[in-house]
C-alpha atoms as a PDB file:
ATOM      1  CA  MET A   1      11.455  15.006 -17.466  1.00  0.00           C
ATOM      2  CA  ARG A   2       9.902  17.328 -14.958  1.00  0.00           C
ATOM      3  CA  PHE A   3      11.986  19.972 -13.195  1.00  0.00           C
ATOM      4  CA  ASP A   4      11.068  22.112 -10.175  1.00  0.00           C
ATOM      5  CA  ALA A   5      12.680  25.028  -8.348  1.00  0.00           C
ATOM      6  CA  TYR A   6      14.865  24.620  -5.281  1.00  0.00           C
ATOM      7  CA  ASP A   7      11.969  24.399  -2.825  1.00  0.00           C
ATOM      8  CA  PHE A   8      11.162  20.873  -3.982  1.00  0.00           C
ATOM      9  CA  ASP A   9      10.113  18.207  -1.519  1.00  0.00           C
ATOM     10  CA  SER A  10      13.447  16.536  -0.971  1.00  0.00           C
ATOM     11  CA  VAL A  11      16.449  16.456   1.317  1.00  0.00           C
ATOM     12  CA  ALA A  12      17.367  19.812   2.879  1.00  0.00           C
ATOM     13  CA  ILE A  13      21.079  19.393   2.148  1.00  0.00           C
ATOM     14  CA  VAL A  14      20.487  19.750  -1.602  1.00  0.00           C
ATOM     15  CA  GLU A  15      18.132  22.743  -1.472  1.00  0.00           C
ATOM     16  CA  SER A  16      19.592  25.917  -2.945  1.00  0.00           C
ATOM     17  CA  GLU A  17      18.358  29.015  -4.732  1.00  0.00           C
ATOM     18  CA  VAL A  18      20.780  28.194  -7.559  1.00  0.00           C
ATOM     19  CA  ALA A  19      19.552  24.623  -7.917  1.00  0.00           C
ATOM     20  CA  ILE A  20      16.984  22.820  -9.984  1.00  0.00           C
ATOM     21  CA  ALA A  21      15.509  19.446  -9.144  1.00  0.00           C
ATOM     22  CA  ILE A  22      14.351  16.635 -11.345  1.00  0.00           C
ATOM     23  CA  THR A  23      11.084  15.544  -9.814  1.00  0.00           C
ATOM     24  CA  GLY A  24       9.948  13.099 -12.434  1.00  0.00           C
ATOM     25  CA  ALA A  25      11.193  11.269 -15.494  1.00  0.00           C
ATOM     26  CA  TYR A  26       9.927   8.512 -17.718  1.00  0.00           C
ATOM     27  CA  ILE A  27      11.036   7.100 -21.046  1.00  0.00           C
ATOM     28  CA  ARG A  28       8.883   4.466 -22.685  1.00  0.00           C
ATOM     29  CA  PRO A  29      10.601   1.083 -22.637  1.00  0.00           C
ATOM     30  CA  ALA A  30      10.830   0.971 -26.443  1.00  0.00           C
ATOM     31  CA  TYR A  31      12.995   4.122 -26.402  1.00  0.00           C
ATOM     32  CA  ARG A  32      15.280   3.196 -23.509  1.00  0.00           C
ATOM     33  CA  GLY A  33      18.916   2.688 -24.368  1.00  0.00           C
ATOM     34  CA  GLN A  34      18.686   5.018 -27.377  1.00  0.00           C
ATOM     35  CA  ARG A  35      20.093   8.032 -25.488  1.00  0.00           C
ATOM     36  CA  ALA A  36      16.798   9.959 -25.628  1.00  0.00           C
ATOM     37  CA  ALA A  37      16.770  10.524 -21.856  1.00  0.00           C
ATOM     38  CA  ALA A  38      20.448  11.503 -21.861  1.00  0.00           C
ATOM     39  CA  ALA A  39      19.791  14.039 -24.638  1.00  0.00           C
ATOM     40  CA  LEU A  40      16.843  15.518 -22.734  1.00  0.00           C
ATOM     41  CA  LEU A  41      18.893  15.721 -19.548  1.00  0.00           C
ATOM     42  CA  ASP A  42      21.806  17.377 -21.338  1.00  0.00           C
ATOM     43  CA  ALA A  43      19.618  19.972 -23.087  1.00  0.00           C
ATOM     44  CA  ALA A  44      17.758  20.829 -19.892  1.00  0.00           C
ATOM     45  CA  LEU A  45      20.926  21.153 -17.797  1.00  0.00           C
ATOM     46  CA  ARG A  46      22.544  23.393 -20.422  1.00  0.00           C
ATOM     47  CA  ASP A  47      19.455  25.620 -20.456  1.00  0.00           C
ATOM     48  CA  TYR A  48      19.265  25.851 -16.662  1.00  0.00           C
ATOM     49  CA  HIS A  49      22.995  26.573 -16.462  1.00  0.00           C
ATOM     50  CA  ALA A  50      22.544  29.449 -18.943  1.00  0.00           C
ATOM     51  CA  ARG A  51      19.835  30.815 -16.608  1.00  0.00           C
ATOM     52  CA  GLY A  52      22.262  30.857 -13.676  1.00  0.00           C
ATOM     53  CA  LEU A  53      21.349  27.612 -11.972  1.00  0.00           C
ATOM     54  CA  ARG A  54      24.463  25.734 -10.910  1.00  0.00           C
ATOM     55  CA  TYR A  55      23.218  22.521  -9.290  1.00  0.00           C
ATOM     56  CA  CYS A  56      20.765  19.789 -10.145  1.00  0.00           C
ATOM     57  CA  ALA A  57      19.375  17.220  -7.757  1.00  0.00           C
ATOM     58  CA  VAL A  58      17.381  14.108  -8.427  1.00  0.00           C
ATOM     59  CA  ASN A  59      15.553  12.043  -5.845  1.00  0.00           C
ATOM     60  CA  PHE A  60      14.871   8.551  -7.149  1.00  0.00           C
ATOM     61  CA  GLU A  61      13.886   5.168  -5.824  1.00  0.00           C
ATOM     62  CA  SER A  62      17.012   3.029  -5.702  1.00  0.00           C
ATOM     63  CA  PHE A  63      14.935  -0.165  -5.796  1.00  0.00           C
ATOM     64  CA  ASN A  64      13.988   0.739  -9.379  1.00  0.00           C
ATOM     65  CA  PRO A  65      16.812  -0.875 -11.397  1.00  0.00           C
ATOM     66  CA  ALA A  66      16.169   1.184 -14.546  1.00  0.00           C
ATOM     67  CA  ALA A  67      16.236   4.445 -12.571  1.00  0.00           C
ATOM     68  CA  THR A  68      19.353   3.459 -10.663  1.00  0.00           C
ATOM     69  CA  ALA A  69      21.192   2.470 -13.834  1.00  0.00           C
ATOM     70  CA  PHE A  70      20.340   5.776 -15.509  1.00  0.00           C
ATOM     71  CA  TRP A  71      20.747   8.310 -12.687  1.00  0.00           C
ATOM     72  CA  MET A  72      23.965   6.858 -11.314  1.00  0.00           C
ATOM     73  CA  ASN A  73      25.579   7.506 -14.712  1.00  0.00           C
ATOM     74  CA  TYR A  74      24.989  11.252 -14.362  1.00  0.00           C
ATOM     75  CA  PHE A  75      24.770  12.050 -10.658  1.00  0.00           C
ATOM     76  CA  GLU A  76      26.821  11.443  -7.537  1.00  0.00           C
ATOM     77  CA  PRO A  77      24.967  10.470  -4.355  1.00  0.00           C
ATOM     78  CA  VAL A  78      24.956  13.071  -1.576  1.00  0.00           C
ATOM     79  CA  CYS A  79      22.449  11.259   0.600  1.00  0.00           C
ATOM     80  CA  LEU A  80      21.359   7.631   0.784  1.00  0.00           C
ATOM     81  CA  SER A  81      18.270   6.406   2.561  1.00  0.00           C
ATOM     82  CA  VAL A  82      16.681   3.025   3.140  1.00  0.00           C
ATOM     83  CA  VAL A  83      13.416   4.416   4.470  1.00  0.00           C
ATOM     84  CA  ARG A  84      10.427   5.091   2.260  1.00  0.00           C
ATOM     85  CA  VAL A  85       7.021   6.275   3.335  1.00  0.00           C
ATOM     86  CA  PRO A  86       4.454   5.580   0.618  1.00  0.00           C
ATOM     87  CA  GLU A  87       2.417   8.644  -0.310  1.00  0.00           C
ATOM     88  CA  SER A  88      -0.811   6.883   0.690  1.00  0.00           C
ATOM     89  CA  VAL A  89       0.477   6.417   4.254  1.00  0.00           C
ATOM     90  CA  ALA A  90       2.016   9.885   4.625  1.00  0.00           C
ATOM     91  CA  SER A  91      -1.333  11.699   4.419  1.00  0.00           C
END
């Protein structure tokens, strides 16, 4: 899992100086379903909470069934979007 400070490239409504953002995550398929990602998420959130960060945001692609199944177990949506601009087009 990769975490970044509040000035991440995401939705303005979740930006905060007391927030952390998950900007990337990947678990090899062979290790999925074994709670490895959940353990990493829990340890990281406990550490960030101890440092004074109170919120965590994650921006994920809802068309990715594995991502949706995982993130929706731990996070509540605050913004939904059906628009995606591929990085190659945005430049």
